[in-house]
N, C-alpha and C. Protein backbone atom coordinates (compact mmCIF):
# COMPACT_ATOMS: atom_id res chain seq x y z
N MET A 1 -72.04 -56.51 -70.82
CA MET A 1 -70.61 -56.66 -71.03
C MET A 1 -69.96 -57.19 -69.76
N ASN A 2 -69.11 -58.20 -69.90
CA ASN A 2 -68.43 -58.81 -68.77
C ASN A 2 -67.23 -57.96 -68.38
N THR A 3 -67.21 -57.46 -67.13
CA THR A 3 -66.09 -56.63 -66.68
C THR A 3 -65.18 -57.38 -65.72
N GLY A 4 -65.44 -58.65 -65.49
CA GLY A 4 -64.61 -59.46 -64.59
C GLY A 4 -63.30 -59.84 -65.26
N PRO A 5 -62.46 -60.54 -64.54
CA PRO A 5 -61.18 -60.96 -65.11
C PRO A 5 -61.40 -61.86 -66.32
N ARG A 6 -60.55 -61.68 -67.31
CA ARG A 6 -60.64 -62.47 -68.53
C ARG A 6 -59.97 -63.82 -68.30
N ARG A 7 -60.68 -64.87 -68.62
CA ARG A 7 -60.14 -66.23 -68.47
C ARG A 7 -59.27 -66.55 -69.68
N THR A 8 -58.14 -67.15 -69.42
CA THR A 8 -57.23 -67.52 -70.49
C THR A 8 -56.95 -69.02 -70.43
N LEU A 9 -56.53 -69.54 -71.56
CA LEU A 9 -56.17 -70.95 -71.69
C LEU A 9 -54.67 -71.00 -71.90
N ARG A 10 -53.96 -71.69 -71.02
CA ARG A 10 -52.51 -71.79 -71.11
C ARG A 10 -52.10 -73.22 -71.40
N LEU A 11 -51.27 -73.39 -72.44
CA LEU A 11 -50.67 -74.69 -72.72
C LEU A 11 -49.57 -74.91 -71.70
N LEU A 12 -49.66 -76.00 -70.96
CA LEU A 12 -48.67 -76.28 -69.92
C LEU A 12 -47.46 -77.00 -70.51
N PRO A 13 -46.30 -76.87 -69.87
CA PRO A 13 -45.07 -77.43 -70.42
C PRO A 13 -44.88 -78.92 -70.14
N TRP A 14 -45.94 -79.63 -69.89
CA TRP A 14 -45.88 -81.07 -69.72
C TRP A 14 -47.10 -81.67 -70.41
N THR A 15 -47.07 -82.96 -70.58
CA THR A 15 -48.19 -83.63 -71.24
C THR A 15 -48.90 -84.55 -70.25
N GLY A 16 -50.08 -84.94 -70.64
CA GLY A 16 -50.86 -85.86 -69.83
C GLY A 16 -50.73 -87.28 -70.36
N PRO A 17 -51.69 -88.11 -69.99
CA PRO A 17 -51.67 -89.49 -70.49
C PRO A 17 -51.65 -89.52 -72.02
N GLU A 18 -50.95 -90.50 -72.54
CA GLU A 18 -50.82 -90.69 -73.99
C GLU A 18 -50.20 -89.48 -74.68
N ALA A 19 -49.38 -88.73 -73.95
CA ALA A 19 -48.64 -87.57 -74.47
C ALA A 19 -49.57 -86.49 -75.02
N LYS A 20 -50.77 -86.39 -74.47
CA LYS A 20 -51.71 -85.36 -74.91
C LYS A 20 -51.40 -84.06 -74.18
N PRO A 21 -51.63 -82.92 -74.84
CA PRO A 21 -51.33 -81.63 -74.20
C PRO A 21 -52.21 -81.39 -72.98
N CYS A 22 -51.65 -80.64 -72.03
CA CYS A 22 -52.39 -80.23 -70.84
C CYS A 22 -52.58 -78.72 -70.90
N PHE A 23 -53.74 -78.27 -70.48
CA PHE A 23 -54.06 -76.85 -70.48
C PHE A 23 -54.52 -76.42 -69.11
N LEU A 24 -54.34 -75.14 -68.83
CA LEU A 24 -54.80 -74.54 -67.59
C LEU A 24 -55.72 -73.39 -67.97
N ILE A 25 -56.92 -73.38 -67.41
CA ILE A 25 -57.83 -72.26 -67.57
C ILE A 25 -57.65 -71.40 -66.33
N THR A 26 -57.32 -70.13 -66.55
CA THR A 26 -56.99 -69.27 -65.42
C THR A 26 -57.49 -67.85 -65.63
N ASP A 27 -57.70 -67.15 -64.52
CA ASP A 27 -58.08 -65.74 -64.57
C ASP A 27 -56.85 -64.84 -64.55
N ASP A 28 -55.73 -65.39 -64.10
CA ASP A 28 -54.49 -64.61 -64.05
C ASP A 28 -53.30 -65.56 -64.12
N GLY A 29 -52.11 -65.03 -64.15
CA GLY A 29 -50.92 -65.85 -64.24
C GLY A 29 -50.25 -66.10 -62.91
N GLY A 30 -50.94 -65.81 -61.79
CA GLY A 30 -50.27 -65.89 -60.51
C GLY A 30 -50.63 -67.08 -59.64
N GLY A 31 -51.39 -68.02 -60.15
CA GLY A 31 -51.78 -69.16 -59.34
C GLY A 31 -50.66 -70.18 -59.19
N ARG A 32 -50.89 -71.16 -58.33
CA ARG A 32 -49.89 -72.19 -58.06
C ARG A 32 -49.47 -72.96 -59.30
N VAL A 33 -50.45 -73.38 -60.09
CA VAL A 33 -50.12 -74.17 -61.27
C VAL A 33 -49.38 -73.31 -62.30
N SER A 34 -49.77 -72.05 -62.42
CA SER A 34 -49.05 -71.14 -63.33
C SER A 34 -47.60 -70.96 -62.89
N ARG A 35 -47.39 -70.80 -61.60
CA ARG A 35 -46.01 -70.66 -61.09
C ARG A 35 -45.22 -71.93 -61.31
N LEU A 36 -45.84 -73.08 -61.09
CA LEU A 36 -45.17 -74.35 -61.34
C LEU A 36 -44.83 -74.49 -62.82
N ALA A 37 -45.73 -74.08 -63.69
CA ALA A 37 -45.47 -74.13 -65.13
C ALA A 37 -44.32 -73.20 -65.50
N ASP A 38 -44.26 -72.01 -64.90
CA ASP A 38 -43.15 -71.08 -65.17
C ASP A 38 -41.82 -71.70 -64.76
N ILE A 39 -41.79 -72.32 -63.59
CA ILE A 39 -40.56 -72.95 -63.09
C ILE A 39 -40.18 -74.12 -64.00
N THR A 40 -41.16 -74.90 -64.41
CA THR A 40 -40.90 -76.05 -65.29
C THR A 40 -40.35 -75.58 -66.63
N GLU A 41 -40.94 -74.53 -67.20
CA GLU A 41 -40.44 -73.99 -68.47
C GLU A 41 -38.99 -73.54 -68.33
N ALA A 42 -38.69 -72.80 -67.28
CA ALA A 42 -37.33 -72.31 -67.08
C ALA A 42 -36.35 -73.47 -66.93
N THR A 43 -36.76 -74.50 -66.21
CA THR A 43 -35.92 -75.69 -66.02
C THR A 43 -35.69 -76.40 -67.34
N GLN A 44 -36.74 -76.57 -68.13
CA GLN A 44 -36.61 -77.24 -69.42
C GLN A 44 -35.68 -76.47 -70.35
N LEU A 45 -35.80 -75.16 -70.38
CA LEU A 45 -34.93 -74.35 -71.24
C LEU A 45 -33.47 -74.45 -70.77
N ASP A 46 -33.27 -74.40 -69.46
CA ASP A 46 -31.91 -74.50 -68.92
C ASP A 46 -31.31 -75.87 -69.20
N MET A 47 -32.10 -76.92 -69.03
CA MET A 47 -31.60 -78.27 -69.30
C MET A 47 -31.26 -78.44 -70.78
N GLY A 48 -32.07 -77.86 -71.66
CA GLY A 48 -31.78 -77.91 -73.09
C GLY A 48 -30.46 -77.21 -73.42
N ALA A 49 -30.22 -76.06 -72.80
CA ALA A 49 -28.97 -75.34 -73.03
C ALA A 49 -27.77 -76.14 -72.51
N GLN A 50 -27.92 -76.75 -71.34
CA GLN A 50 -26.84 -77.57 -70.78
C GLN A 50 -26.57 -78.79 -71.65
N LEU A 51 -27.62 -79.41 -72.15
CA LEU A 51 -27.47 -80.57 -73.02
C LEU A 51 -26.77 -80.19 -74.31
N LEU A 52 -27.11 -79.05 -74.87
CA LEU A 52 -26.45 -78.59 -76.09
C LEU A 52 -24.96 -78.35 -75.85
N ALA A 53 -24.62 -77.75 -74.74
CA ALA A 53 -23.20 -77.53 -74.41
C ALA A 53 -22.49 -78.87 -74.24
N HIS A 54 -23.14 -79.83 -73.61
CA HIS A 54 -22.57 -81.17 -73.44
C HIS A 54 -22.37 -81.83 -74.80
N ALA A 55 -23.35 -81.68 -75.68
CA ALA A 55 -23.24 -82.27 -77.03
C ALA A 55 -22.05 -81.68 -77.78
N ASP A 56 -21.85 -80.39 -77.67
CA ASP A 56 -20.70 -79.76 -78.32
C ASP A 56 -19.39 -80.38 -77.86
N ASP A 57 -19.29 -80.65 -76.56
CA ASP A 57 -18.08 -81.25 -76.01
C ASP A 57 -17.92 -82.72 -76.39
N LEU A 58 -19.04 -83.43 -76.45
CA LEU A 58 -19.02 -84.88 -76.65
C LEU A 58 -18.82 -85.28 -78.11
N LEU A 59 -19.37 -84.54 -79.03
CA LEU A 59 -19.42 -84.97 -80.44
C LEU A 59 -18.09 -85.37 -81.07
N PRO A 60 -17.02 -84.63 -80.85
CA PRO A 60 -15.78 -85.00 -81.56
C PRO A 60 -15.28 -86.42 -81.29
N ASP A 61 -15.48 -86.94 -80.10
CA ASP A 61 -14.92 -88.24 -79.74
C ASP A 61 -15.97 -89.25 -79.29
N ALA A 62 -17.23 -89.05 -79.63
CA ALA A 62 -18.31 -89.90 -79.12
C ALA A 62 -18.33 -91.26 -79.80
N THR A 63 -18.68 -92.26 -79.01
CA THR A 63 -18.90 -93.59 -79.56
C THR A 63 -20.31 -93.64 -80.16
N GLU A 64 -20.58 -94.72 -80.87
CA GLU A 64 -21.92 -94.88 -81.46
C GLU A 64 -22.99 -94.90 -80.37
N ALA A 65 -22.74 -95.61 -79.29
CA ALA A 65 -23.71 -95.68 -78.19
C ALA A 65 -23.93 -94.30 -77.56
N GLN A 66 -22.85 -93.54 -77.38
CA GLN A 66 -22.98 -92.21 -76.81
C GLN A 66 -23.78 -91.29 -77.75
N LEU A 67 -23.53 -91.42 -79.06
CA LEU A 67 -24.26 -90.60 -80.02
C LEU A 67 -25.75 -90.92 -80.01
N ARG A 68 -26.07 -92.20 -79.92
CA ARG A 68 -27.48 -92.59 -79.87
C ARG A 68 -28.15 -92.04 -78.61
N PHE A 69 -27.50 -92.20 -77.47
CA PHE A 69 -28.04 -91.68 -76.21
C PHE A 69 -28.21 -90.16 -76.29
N LEU A 70 -27.19 -89.49 -76.82
CA LEU A 70 -27.24 -88.04 -76.96
C LEU A 70 -28.38 -87.61 -77.88
N ALA A 71 -28.55 -88.30 -78.99
CA ALA A 71 -29.63 -87.97 -79.93
C ALA A 71 -30.99 -88.13 -79.26
N GLU A 72 -31.16 -89.17 -78.49
CA GLU A 72 -32.43 -89.39 -77.79
C GLU A 72 -32.71 -88.27 -76.80
N ARG A 73 -31.68 -87.85 -76.05
CA ARG A 73 -31.87 -86.75 -75.09
C ARG A 73 -32.12 -85.43 -75.82
N LEU A 74 -31.44 -85.20 -76.93
CA LEU A 74 -31.67 -83.96 -77.69
C LEU A 74 -33.09 -83.92 -78.24
N VAL A 75 -33.62 -85.05 -78.68
CA VAL A 75 -35.01 -85.10 -79.16
C VAL A 75 -35.96 -84.75 -78.02
N GLU A 76 -35.72 -85.31 -76.84
CA GLU A 76 -36.57 -85.00 -75.69
C GLU A 76 -36.52 -83.52 -75.36
N ALA A 77 -35.31 -82.95 -75.34
CA ALA A 77 -35.15 -81.54 -75.01
C ALA A 77 -35.81 -80.66 -76.07
N LEU A 78 -35.65 -81.01 -77.33
CA LEU A 78 -36.26 -80.23 -78.40
C LEU A 78 -37.79 -80.28 -78.28
N ARG A 79 -38.33 -81.43 -77.98
CA ARG A 79 -39.79 -81.56 -77.81
C ARG A 79 -40.27 -80.65 -76.68
N ASP A 80 -39.55 -80.65 -75.56
CA ASP A 80 -39.91 -79.78 -74.43
C ASP A 80 -39.83 -78.31 -74.82
N ILE A 81 -38.76 -77.93 -75.48
CA ILE A 81 -38.55 -76.53 -75.83
C ILE A 81 -39.57 -76.05 -76.85
N LEU A 82 -39.92 -76.91 -77.79
CA LEU A 82 -40.96 -76.53 -78.76
C LEU A 82 -42.31 -76.35 -78.06
N ARG A 83 -42.61 -77.17 -77.06
CA ARG A 83 -43.86 -77.02 -76.31
C ARG A 83 -43.85 -75.70 -75.55
N VAL A 84 -42.71 -75.34 -74.95
CA VAL A 84 -42.59 -74.06 -74.26
C VAL A 84 -42.79 -72.92 -75.25
N ALA A 85 -42.15 -73.00 -76.40
CA ALA A 85 -42.27 -71.94 -77.41
C ALA A 85 -43.71 -71.81 -77.89
N GLU A 86 -44.37 -72.93 -78.12
CA GLU A 86 -45.77 -72.89 -78.57
C GLU A 86 -46.65 -72.23 -77.51
N GLY A 87 -46.47 -72.63 -76.26
CA GLY A 87 -47.27 -72.04 -75.18
C GLY A 87 -47.01 -70.56 -75.03
N ARG A 88 -45.76 -70.15 -75.09
CA ARG A 88 -45.44 -68.74 -74.97
C ARG A 88 -45.95 -67.96 -76.17
N GLY A 89 -45.90 -68.56 -77.34
CA GLY A 89 -46.43 -67.91 -78.54
C GLY A 89 -47.93 -67.68 -78.42
N GLN A 90 -48.65 -68.65 -77.90
CA GLN A 90 -50.09 -68.50 -77.72
C GLN A 90 -50.39 -67.38 -76.73
N ARG A 91 -49.62 -67.30 -75.65
CA ARG A 91 -49.84 -66.23 -74.66
C ARG A 91 -49.51 -64.87 -75.25
N TYR A 92 -48.44 -64.80 -76.06
CA TYR A 92 -48.06 -63.55 -76.69
C TYR A 92 -49.17 -63.08 -77.64
N ASP A 93 -49.68 -63.99 -78.47
CA ASP A 93 -50.75 -63.64 -79.40
C ASP A 93 -51.98 -63.13 -78.65
N GLU A 94 -52.30 -63.82 -77.56
CA GLU A 94 -53.46 -63.43 -76.78
C GLU A 94 -53.27 -62.05 -76.16
N GLU A 95 -52.05 -61.76 -75.68
CA GLU A 95 -51.77 -60.45 -75.08
C GLU A 95 -51.86 -59.35 -76.13
N ARG A 96 -51.44 -59.65 -77.36
CA ARG A 96 -51.53 -58.65 -78.43
C ARG A 96 -52.98 -58.38 -78.82
N LEU A 97 -53.79 -59.43 -78.84
CA LEU A 97 -55.18 -59.29 -79.26
C LEU A 97 -56.06 -58.69 -78.16
N PHE A 98 -55.74 -59.04 -76.91
CA PHE A 98 -56.58 -58.60 -75.78
C PHE A 98 -55.70 -57.96 -74.70
N PRO A 99 -55.18 -56.76 -74.97
CA PRO A 99 -54.27 -56.13 -73.98
C PRO A 99 -54.94 -55.80 -72.67
């Protein structure tokens, strides 16, 4: 029976070439790349919240060009946030299965 640290696979909050997912194999959550991923996730969530607040303010009087630009940014933010949610969901499931 292996009594060493359990290795985990973490979905990172960014993609690699051709928009393919990036993963980190780690023994714990305290390494440099894990910390960078945590900071990136927090930044992406904060930027999404700020963009949503901006959209609320902009929508009533937005031009067609502004709406298109806003929609493109909202799609980017939603893609980032869904990747964060997926990664956190995988970690949560793993923590429940292997406490």
